[in-house]
């Protein structure tokens, strides 16, 4: 991807959470991730996708938290597609904004997958289901952005064995 033209141009980002409508298996996640990477590479989109795996035994559904960064028009169109995607439910927009430079230039979309137990052990973790109300109570803060930045920089070693 080429980012040289973005040096003086603020980068748009969007962060959302959602719940999977049905439990994803490993192969379905690989297909989804590959589709995302192809689209993102073609459209100069970078970011990070956190997936907290659902549990068949407890019937809990997995949860997604994603930051997308790139051209504002493309990101907004992509978010509309996500909202209307049958694989997602309870889609919640957490934060939008612009920053001086991309935070995730090395990833067309980095992917972090965690079992609930691993997720809870991560530095700075919180309940994704409670995130929207926490952000609203705190006012327009950078809680989601700070969390994803911290996750990507501080916890990669903990995720090494859980990548697809």
N, C-alpha and C. Protein backbone atom coordinates (compact mmCIF):
# COMPACT_ATOMS: atom_id res chain seq x y z
N UNK A 1 0.84 -1.18 0.00
CA UNK A 1 0.00 0.00 0.00
C UNK A 1 0.88 1.24 0.00
N UNK A 2 0.34 2.29 -0.59
CA UNK A 2 1.11 3.52 -0.68
C UNK A 2 0.47 4.58 0.19
N UNK A 3 1.26 5.12 1.10
CA UNK A 3 0.74 6.11 2.03
C UNK A 3 1.48 7.44 1.92
N UNK A 4 2.37 7.60 0.91
CA UNK A 4 3.17 8.83 0.83
C UNK A 4 2.30 10.07 0.69
N UNK A 5 1.19 9.98 -0.05
CA UNK A 5 0.33 11.13 -0.29
C UNK A 5 -0.43 11.56 0.96
N UNK A 6 -0.37 10.79 2.00
CA UNK A 6 -1.14 11.08 3.21
C UNK A 6 -0.36 11.89 4.24
N UNK A 7 0.88 12.24 3.93
CA UNK A 7 1.73 12.90 4.92
C UNK A 7 1.08 14.15 5.49
N UNK A 8 0.46 14.97 4.66
CA UNK A 8 -0.14 16.21 5.13
C UNK A 8 -1.65 16.12 5.29
N UNK A 9 -2.20 14.96 5.04
CA UNK A 9 -3.64 14.78 5.05
C UNK A 9 -4.06 13.96 6.27
N UNK A 10 -4.99 14.48 7.08
CA UNK A 10 -5.45 13.69 8.24
C UNK A 10 -6.10 12.38 7.78
N UNK A 11 -5.94 11.34 8.57
CA UNK A 11 -6.47 10.02 8.26
C UNK A 11 -7.77 9.80 9.04
N UNK A 12 -8.81 9.42 8.33
CA UNK A 12 -10.10 9.13 8.94
C UNK A 12 -10.06 7.73 9.56
N UNK A 13 -10.69 7.60 10.72
CA UNK A 13 -10.83 6.27 11.33
C UNK A 13 -12.22 6.12 11.92
N UNK A 14 -12.63 4.87 12.05
CA UNK A 14 -13.93 4.52 12.58
C UNK A 14 -13.75 3.26 13.42
N UNK A 15 -14.39 3.22 14.59
CA UNK A 15 -14.32 2.05 15.46
C UNK A 15 -15.75 1.62 15.78
N UNK A 16 -15.99 0.32 15.65
CA UNK A 16 -17.32 -0.22 15.98
C UNK A 16 -17.16 -1.55 16.71
N UNK A 17 -18.25 -1.97 17.33
CA UNK A 17 -18.34 -3.33 17.88
C UNK A 17 -19.58 -3.98 17.28
N UNK A 18 -19.58 -5.31 17.28
CA UNK A 18 -20.76 -6.06 16.87
C UNK A 18 -20.70 -7.44 17.50
N UNK A 19 -21.81 -8.14 17.39
CA UNK A 19 -21.93 -9.50 17.88
C UNK A 19 -22.18 -10.38 16.66
N UNK A 20 -21.53 -11.54 16.61
CA UNK A 20 -21.78 -12.44 15.48
C UNK A 20 -23.19 -12.99 15.58
N UNK A 21 -23.87 -13.11 14.44
CA UNK A 21 -25.25 -13.61 14.47
C UNK A 21 -25.28 -15.12 14.71
N UNK A 22 -24.28 -15.83 14.23
CA UNK A 22 -24.10 -17.27 14.49
C UNK A 22 -22.63 -17.49 14.81
N UNK A 23 -22.34 -18.53 15.57
CA UNK A 23 -20.95 -18.82 15.91
C UNK A 23 -20.15 -19.10 14.64
N UNK A 24 -19.02 -18.41 14.49
CA UNK A 24 -18.11 -18.66 13.37
C UNK A 24 -17.22 -19.84 13.70
N UNK A 25 -16.97 -20.69 12.70
CA UNK A 25 -15.94 -21.69 12.90
C UNK A 25 -14.64 -21.15 12.30
N UNK A 26 -13.56 -21.86 12.51
CA UNK A 26 -12.24 -21.38 12.10
C UNK A 26 -12.18 -21.13 10.59
N UNK A 27 -12.74 -22.02 9.79
CA UNK A 27 -12.71 -21.86 8.34
C UNK A 27 -13.52 -20.64 7.89
N UNK A 28 -14.67 -20.41 8.51
CA UNK A 28 -15.47 -19.23 8.17
C UNK A 28 -14.73 -17.95 8.50
N UNK A 29 -14.03 -17.94 9.62
CA UNK A 29 -13.24 -16.76 9.98
C UNK A 29 -12.11 -16.52 8.99
N UNK A 30 -11.47 -17.59 8.54
CA UNK A 30 -10.40 -17.44 7.55
C UNK A 30 -10.93 -16.83 6.26
N UNK A 31 -12.08 -17.32 5.80
CA UNK A 31 -12.69 -16.79 4.57
C UNK A 31 -13.01 -15.31 4.75
N UNK A 32 -13.64 -14.97 5.86
CA UNK A 32 -13.99 -13.58 6.14
C UNK A 32 -12.74 -12.70 6.19
N UNK A 33 -11.73 -13.16 6.87
CA UNK A 33 -10.49 -12.39 7.00
C UNK A 33 -9.82 -12.19 5.64
N UNK A 34 -9.78 -13.22 4.82
CA UNK A 34 -9.17 -13.10 3.49
C UNK A 34 -9.95 -12.14 2.60
N UNK A 35 -11.28 -12.17 2.67
CA UNK A 35 -12.10 -11.23 1.91
C UNK A 35 -11.80 -9.80 2.35
N UNK A 36 -11.71 -9.60 3.65
CA UNK A 36 -11.42 -8.26 4.19
C UNK A 36 -10.04 -7.78 3.74
N UNK A 37 -9.05 -8.64 3.82
CA UNK A 37 -7.70 -8.25 3.43
C UNK A 37 -7.63 -7.87 1.96
N UNK A 38 -8.29 -8.65 1.10
CA UNK A 38 -8.29 -8.33 -0.33
C UNK A 38 -8.92 -6.96 -0.59
N UNK A 39 -10.10 -6.74 -0.02
CA UNK A 39 -10.79 -5.46 -0.19
C UNK A 39 -9.95 -4.32 0.36
N UNK A 40 -9.41 -4.51 1.55
CA UNK A 40 -8.65 -3.46 2.20
C UNK A 40 -7.37 -3.12 1.44
N UNK A 41 -6.69 -4.12 0.92
CA UNK A 41 -5.49 -3.86 0.12
C UNK A 41 -5.83 -3.04 -1.12
N UNK A 42 -6.92 -3.38 -1.79
CA UNK A 42 -7.33 -2.64 -2.99
C UNK A 42 -7.73 -1.20 -2.68
N UNK A 43 -8.17 -0.95 -1.46
CA UNK A 43 -8.71 0.37 -1.11
C UNK A 43 -7.88 1.14 -0.09
N UNK A 44 -6.64 0.70 0.15
CA UNK A 44 -5.73 1.37 1.10
C UNK A 44 -6.35 1.53 2.49
N UNK A 45 -7.02 0.50 2.95
CA UNK A 45 -7.61 0.51 4.29
C UNK A 45 -6.70 -0.30 5.20
N UNK A 46 -6.41 0.25 6.36
CA UNK A 46 -5.65 -0.46 7.38
C UNK A 46 -6.48 -0.46 8.66
N UNK A 47 -6.03 -1.20 9.66
CA UNK A 47 -6.76 -1.23 10.92
C UNK A 47 -6.48 -2.49 11.70
N UNK A 48 -7.36 -2.76 12.63
CA UNK A 48 -7.24 -3.95 13.47
C UNK A 48 -8.64 -4.49 13.76
N UNK A 49 -8.74 -5.81 13.78
CA UNK A 49 -9.99 -6.49 14.09
C UNK A 49 -9.74 -7.40 15.28
N UNK A 50 -10.46 -7.16 16.35
CA UNK A 50 -10.40 -8.02 17.53
C UNK A 50 -11.64 -8.90 17.51
N UNK A 51 -11.44 -10.20 17.63
CA UNK A 51 -12.55 -11.15 17.70
C UNK A 51 -12.43 -11.93 19.00
N UNK A 52 -13.42 -11.79 19.85
CA UNK A 52 -13.47 -12.57 21.09
C UNK A 52 -14.41 -13.74 20.80
N UNK A 53 -13.84 -14.91 20.79
CA UNK A 53 -14.52 -16.13 20.35
C UNK A 53 -15.73 -16.45 21.22
N UNK A 54 -16.82 -16.85 20.56
CA UNK A 54 -18.00 -17.31 21.27
C UNK A 54 -17.81 -18.73 21.77
N UNK A 55 -18.71 -19.19 22.60
CA UNK A 55 -18.61 -20.53 23.20
C UNK A 55 -19.85 -21.34 22.83
N UNK A 56 -19.65 -22.47 22.16
CA UNK A 56 -20.76 -23.34 21.80
C UNK A 56 -21.45 -23.89 23.06
N UNK A 57 -20.65 -24.23 24.06
CA UNK A 57 -21.19 -24.84 25.28
C UNK A 57 -22.13 -23.88 26.01
N UNK A 58 -21.71 -22.64 26.15
CA UNK A 58 -22.52 -21.66 26.88
C UNK A 58 -23.48 -20.90 25.97
N UNK A 59 -23.40 -21.19 24.67
CA UNK A 59 -24.24 -20.52 23.67
C UNK A 59 -23.97 -19.01 23.61
N UNK A 60 -22.81 -18.58 24.07
CA UNK A 60 -22.48 -17.16 23.95
C UNK A 60 -21.93 -16.91 22.56
N UNK A 61 -22.28 -15.78 22.01
CA UNK A 61 -21.83 -15.43 20.66
C UNK A 61 -20.53 -14.64 20.74
N UNK A 62 -19.75 -14.76 19.70
CA UNK A 62 -18.50 -14.01 19.64
C UNK A 62 -18.76 -12.54 19.40
N UNK A 63 -17.76 -11.75 19.73
CA UNK A 63 -17.88 -10.30 19.58
C UNK A 63 -16.71 -9.77 18.76
N UNK A 64 -17.00 -8.75 17.98
CA UNK A 64 -16.00 -8.08 17.16
C UNK A 64 -15.82 -6.65 17.66
N UNK A 65 -14.60 -6.19 17.56
CA UNK A 65 -14.30 -4.77 17.72
C UNK A 65 -13.30 -4.46 16.62
N UNK A 66 -13.60 -3.46 15.80
CA UNK A 66 -12.74 -3.16 14.67
C UNK A 66 -12.50 -1.67 14.53
N UNK A 67 -11.25 -1.35 14.22
CA UNK A 67 -10.86 -0.01 13.82
C UNK A 67 -10.49 -0.09 12.35
N UNK A 68 -11.08 0.78 11.54
CA UNK A 68 -10.76 0.91 10.13
C UNK A 68 -10.20 2.30 9.91
N UNK A 69 -9.12 2.42 9.14
CA UNK A 69 -8.55 3.74 8.85
C UNK A 69 -8.25 3.84 7.36
N UNK A 70 -8.50 5.04 6.81
CA UNK A 70 -8.27 5.26 5.39
C UNK A 70 -9.14 6.40 4.88
N UNK A 71 -9.49 6.33 3.59
CA UNK A 71 -10.33 7.35 2.96
C UNK A 71 -11.72 7.36 3.61
N UNK A 72 -12.17 8.53 3.99
CA UNK A 72 -13.44 8.63 4.73
C UNK A 72 -14.62 8.07 3.96
N UNK A 73 -14.74 8.39 2.67
CA UNK A 73 -15.88 7.90 1.88
C UNK A 73 -15.90 6.37 1.83
N UNK A 74 -14.74 5.78 1.61
CA UNK A 74 -14.66 4.32 1.52
C UNK A 74 -14.99 3.67 2.87
N UNK A 75 -14.44 4.23 3.95
CA UNK A 75 -14.69 3.67 5.29
C UNK A 75 -16.17 3.77 5.65
N UNK A 76 -16.80 4.91 5.36
CA UNK A 76 -18.23 5.07 5.68
C UNK A 76 -19.09 4.09 4.88
N UNK A 77 -18.77 3.90 3.59
CA UNK A 77 -19.51 2.93 2.77
C UNK A 77 -19.32 1.51 3.31
N UNK A 78 -18.09 1.19 3.68
CA UNK A 78 -17.81 -0.13 4.23
C UNK A 78 -18.58 -0.36 5.53
N UNK A 79 -18.64 0.66 6.38
CA UNK A 79 -19.37 0.52 7.64
C UNK A 79 -20.86 0.26 7.37
N UNK A 80 -21.44 0.94 6.38
CA UNK A 80 -22.85 0.69 6.04
C UNK A 80 -23.05 -0.76 5.62
N UNK A 81 -22.09 -1.32 4.87
CA UNK A 81 -22.19 -2.73 4.48
C UNK A 81 -22.13 -3.64 5.71
N UNK A 82 -21.27 -3.30 6.65
CA UNK A 82 -21.14 -4.10 7.88
C UNK A 82 -22.45 -4.07 8.67
N UNK A 83 -23.04 -2.88 8.79
CA UNK A 83 -24.31 -2.74 9.51
C UNK A 83 -25.39 -3.63 8.90
N UNK A 84 -25.38 -3.75 7.57
CA UNK A 84 -26.40 -4.54 6.87
C UNK A 84 -26.00 -6.00 6.65
N UNK A 85 -24.82 -6.39 7.09
CA UNK A 85 -24.33 -7.76 6.91
C UNK A 85 -25.02 -8.69 7.90
N UNK A 86 -25.60 -9.76 7.39
CA UNK A 86 -26.34 -10.72 8.23
C UNK A 86 -25.46 -11.41 9.26
N UNK A 87 -24.15 -11.40 9.05
CA UNK A 87 -23.24 -12.07 9.99
C UNK A 87 -23.03 -11.26 11.26
N UNK A 88 -23.47 -9.99 11.25
CA UNK A 88 -23.31 -9.10 12.40
C UNK A 88 -24.68 -8.73 12.96
N UNK A 89 -24.75 -8.59 14.25
CA UNK A 89 -25.92 -8.00 14.89
C UNK A 89 -25.43 -7.07 15.99
N UNK A 90 -26.32 -6.22 16.46
CA UNK A 90 -25.98 -5.26 17.52
C UNK A 90 -24.73 -4.45 17.17
N UNK A 91 -24.67 -3.95 15.94
CA UNK A 91 -23.54 -3.13 15.51
C UNK A 91 -23.65 -1.77 16.20
N UNK A 92 -22.56 -1.35 16.84
CA UNK A 92 -22.55 -0.07 17.56
C UNK A 92 -21.32 0.73 17.13
N UNK A 93 -21.55 1.93 16.64
CA UNK A 93 -20.46 2.83 16.29
C UNK A 93 -19.93 3.45 17.57
N UNK A 94 -18.65 3.24 17.84
CA UNK A 94 -18.05 3.72 19.09
C UNK A 94 -17.36 5.06 18.93
N UNK A 95 -16.66 5.22 17.83
CA UNK A 95 -15.84 6.42 17.70
C UNK A 95 -15.50 6.65 16.24
N UNK A 96 -15.54 7.91 15.82
CA UNK A 96 -15.02 8.30 14.52
C UNK A 96 -14.15 9.52 14.75
N UNK A 97 -13.20 9.71 13.86
CA UNK A 97 -12.34 10.87 13.99
C UNK A 97 -11.26 10.87 12.93
N UNK A 98 -10.32 11.76 13.13
CA UNK A 98 -9.16 11.86 12.24
C UNK A 98 -7.92 12.01 13.10
N UNK A 99 -6.83 11.45 12.63
CA UNK A 99 -5.54 11.66 13.28
C UNK A 99 -4.49 11.92 12.23
N UNK A 100 -3.31 12.35 12.69
CA UNK A 100 -2.26 12.82 11.79
C UNK A 100 -1.68 11.74 10.90
N UNK A 101 -1.58 10.52 11.41
CA UNK A 101 -1.01 9.44 10.60
C UNK A 101 -1.65 8.12 11.00
N UNK A 102 -1.55 7.16 10.11
CA UNK A 102 -2.12 5.84 10.37
C UNK A 102 -1.47 5.21 11.60
N UNK A 103 -2.26 4.49 12.35
CA UNK A 103 -1.74 3.76 13.51
C UNK A 103 -1.37 2.33 13.16
N UNK A 104 -1.92 1.80 12.07
CA UNK A 104 -1.76 0.38 11.74
C UNK A 104 -1.26 0.20 10.30
N UNK A 105 -0.19 0.92 9.95
CA UNK A 105 0.33 0.88 8.57
C UNK A 105 0.84 -0.48 8.15
N UNK A 106 1.25 -1.31 9.09
CA UNK A 106 1.80 -2.61 8.73
C UNK A 106 0.74 -3.66 8.45
N UNK A 107 -0.51 -3.35 8.70
CA UNK A 107 -1.57 -4.34 8.57
C UNK A 107 -2.65 -3.86 7.61
N UNK A 108 -3.03 -4.71 6.66
CA UNK A 108 -4.20 -4.40 5.83
C UNK A 108 -5.45 -4.54 6.69
N UNK A 109 -5.40 -5.30 7.66
CA UNK A 109 -6.24 -5.34 8.86
C UNK A 109 -5.67 -6.44 9.72
N UNK A 110 -5.01 -6.03 10.78
CA UNK A 110 -4.47 -7.00 11.71
C UNK A 110 -5.62 -7.70 12.39
N UNK A 111 -5.41 -8.95 12.73
CA UNK A 111 -6.48 -9.75 13.32
C UNK A 111 -6.00 -10.34 14.62
N UNK A 112 -6.74 -10.10 15.67
CA UNK A 112 -6.44 -10.68 16.97
C UNK A 112 -7.65 -11.51 17.37
N UNK A 113 -7.43 -12.77 17.65
CA UNK A 113 -8.51 -13.65 18.10
C UNK A 113 -8.17 -14.11 19.51
N UNK A 114 -9.16 -14.09 20.38
CA UNK A 114 -8.89 -14.49 21.75
C UNK A 114 -10.07 -15.25 22.32
N UNK A 115 -9.75 -16.26 23.09
CA UNK A 115 -10.78 -16.90 23.90
C UNK A 115 -11.11 -15.92 25.02
N UNK A 116 -12.28 -16.03 25.58
CA UNK A 116 -12.72 -15.11 26.63
C UNK A 116 -11.70 -15.02 27.77
N UNK A 117 -11.15 -16.16 28.17
CA UNK A 117 -10.20 -16.17 29.29
C UNK A 117 -8.94 -15.38 28.95
N UNK A 118 -8.42 -15.56 27.73
CA UNK A 118 -7.23 -14.81 27.32
C UNK A 118 -7.56 -13.33 27.23
N UNK A 119 -8.70 -13.01 26.64
CA UNK A 119 -9.10 -11.61 26.51
C UNK A 119 -9.14 -10.94 27.89
N UNK A 120 -9.70 -11.61 28.87
CA UNK A 120 -9.81 -11.03 30.21
C UNK A 120 -8.45 -10.84 30.87
N UNK A 121 -7.45 -11.59 30.44
CA UNK A 121 -6.12 -11.46 31.03
C UNK A 121 -5.30 -10.34 30.40
N UNK A 122 -5.78 -9.76 29.31
CA UNK A 122 -5.01 -8.74 28.61
C UNK A 122 -4.99 -7.43 29.37
N UNK A 123 -3.88 -6.75 29.27
CA UNK A 123 -3.74 -5.43 29.88
C UNK A 123 -4.77 -4.48 29.27
N UNK A 124 -5.58 -3.86 30.10
CA UNK A 124 -6.54 -2.87 29.63
C UNK A 124 -7.83 -3.45 29.08
N UNK A 125 -8.09 -4.75 29.30
CA UNK A 125 -9.31 -5.34 28.75
C UNK A 125 -10.53 -4.76 29.46
N UNK A 126 -11.68 -4.85 28.81
CA UNK A 126 -12.96 -4.51 29.42
C UNK A 126 -14.02 -5.29 28.68
N UNK A 127 -15.21 -5.33 29.24
CA UNK A 127 -16.32 -6.07 28.65
C UNK A 127 -16.78 -5.34 27.39
N UNK A 128 -16.64 -5.98 26.23
CA UNK A 128 -17.05 -5.34 24.98
C UNK A 128 -18.54 -5.03 24.98
N UNK A 129 -19.33 -5.85 25.67
CA UNK A 129 -20.77 -5.59 25.71
C UNK A 129 -21.09 -4.30 26.46
N UNK A 130 -20.22 -3.89 27.36
CA UNK A 130 -20.44 -2.71 28.18
C UNK A 130 -19.76 -1.47 27.61
N UNK A 131 -19.04 -1.62 26.52
CA UNK A 131 -18.20 -0.54 26.01
C UNK A 131 -19.00 0.70 25.62
N UNK A 132 -20.11 0.52 24.95
CA UNK A 132 -20.88 1.67 24.48
C UNK A 132 -21.33 2.53 25.65
N UNK A 133 -21.87 1.92 26.70
CA UNK A 133 -22.32 2.71 27.84
C UNK A 133 -21.15 3.37 28.56
N UNK A 134 -20.01 2.67 28.64
CA UNK A 134 -18.83 3.28 29.28
C UNK A 134 -18.37 4.51 28.52
N UNK A 135 -18.35 4.41 27.19
CA UNK A 135 -17.91 5.55 26.38
C UNK A 135 -18.87 6.72 26.53
N UNK A 136 -20.17 6.43 26.55
CA UNK A 136 -21.17 7.48 26.72
C UNK A 136 -21.03 8.17 28.07
N UNK A 137 -20.79 7.39 29.12
CA UNK A 137 -20.64 7.96 30.46
C UNK A 137 -19.41 8.86 30.55
N UNK A 138 -18.35 8.46 29.87
CA UNK A 138 -17.10 9.23 29.92
C UNK A 138 -17.11 10.43 29.00
N UNK A 139 -18.10 10.54 28.13
CA UNK A 139 -18.09 11.60 27.14
C UNK A 139 -17.23 11.17 25.97
N UNK A 140 -17.13 11.99 24.98
CA UNK A 140 -16.40 11.63 23.74
C UNK A 140 -14.91 11.49 24.01
N UNK A 141 -14.51 10.37 24.56
CA UNK A 141 -13.10 10.13 24.85
C UNK A 141 -12.52 9.19 23.82
N UNK A 142 -11.25 8.92 23.94
CA UNK A 142 -10.55 8.02 23.02
C UNK A 142 -10.39 6.62 23.61
N UNK A 143 -11.30 6.20 24.48
CA UNK A 143 -11.17 4.89 25.12
C UNK A 143 -11.02 3.76 24.10
N UNK A 144 -11.90 3.65 23.09
CA UNK A 144 -11.74 2.55 22.13
C UNK A 144 -10.42 2.62 21.36
N UNK A 145 -10.05 3.81 20.91
CA UNK A 145 -8.80 3.97 20.16
C UNK A 145 -7.60 3.62 21.03
N UNK A 146 -7.57 4.12 22.24
CA UNK A 146 -6.45 3.82 23.14
C UNK A 146 -6.36 2.33 23.44
N UNK A 147 -7.51 1.70 23.63
CA UNK A 147 -7.52 0.27 23.90
C UNK A 147 -6.92 -0.52 22.74
N UNK A 148 -7.35 -0.24 21.51
CA UNK A 148 -6.85 -0.99 20.36
C UNK A 148 -5.38 -0.72 20.10
N UNK A 149 -4.94 0.52 20.30
CA UNK A 149 -3.51 0.81 20.14
C UNK A 149 -2.70 0.06 21.18
N UNK A 150 -3.17 0.06 22.41
CA UNK A 150 -2.46 -0.64 23.48
C UNK A 150 -2.46 -2.15 23.22
N UNK A 151 -3.58 -2.67 22.80
CA UNK A 151 -3.69 -4.09 22.49
C UNK A 151 -2.68 -4.48 21.42
N UNK A 152 -2.61 -3.71 20.36
CA UNK A 152 -1.73 -4.08 19.25
C UNK A 152 -0.26 -3.97 19.62
N UNK A 153 0.09 -3.03 20.48
CA UNK A 153 1.51 -2.86 20.80
C UNK A 153 1.97 -3.68 22.01
N UNK A 154 1.11 -3.89 22.98
CA UNK A 154 1.55 -4.53 24.23
C UNK A 154 1.24 -6.02 24.34
N UNK A 155 0.31 -6.52 23.57
CA UNK A 155 -0.16 -7.88 23.81
C UNK A 155 0.06 -8.84 22.65
N UNK A 156 0.83 -8.47 21.65
CA UNK A 156 1.02 -9.36 20.51
C UNK A 156 1.57 -10.71 20.93
N UNK A 157 2.47 -10.74 21.86
CA UNK A 157 3.06 -12.02 22.28
C UNK A 157 1.99 -12.94 22.85
N UNK A 158 1.02 -12.39 23.57
CA UNK A 158 -0.04 -13.22 24.15
C UNK A 158 -0.95 -13.81 23.08
N UNK A 159 -1.04 -13.15 21.91
CA UNK A 159 -1.92 -13.61 20.85
C UNK A 159 -1.22 -14.55 19.87
N UNK A 160 0.07 -14.69 19.95
CA UNK A 160 0.84 -15.41 18.93
C UNK A 160 0.26 -16.79 18.62
N UNK A 161 -0.20 -17.50 19.62
CA UNK A 161 -0.70 -18.85 19.40
C UNK A 161 -2.17 -18.88 19.02
N UNK A 162 -2.86 -17.75 19.03
CA UNK A 162 -4.28 -17.77 18.74
C UNK A 162 -4.61 -17.23 17.36
N UNK A 163 -3.61 -16.82 16.60
CA UNK A 163 -3.87 -16.37 15.23
C UNK A 163 -4.45 -17.52 14.43
N UNK A 164 -5.26 -17.17 13.44
CA UNK A 164 -5.78 -18.19 12.52
C UNK A 164 -4.68 -18.71 11.65
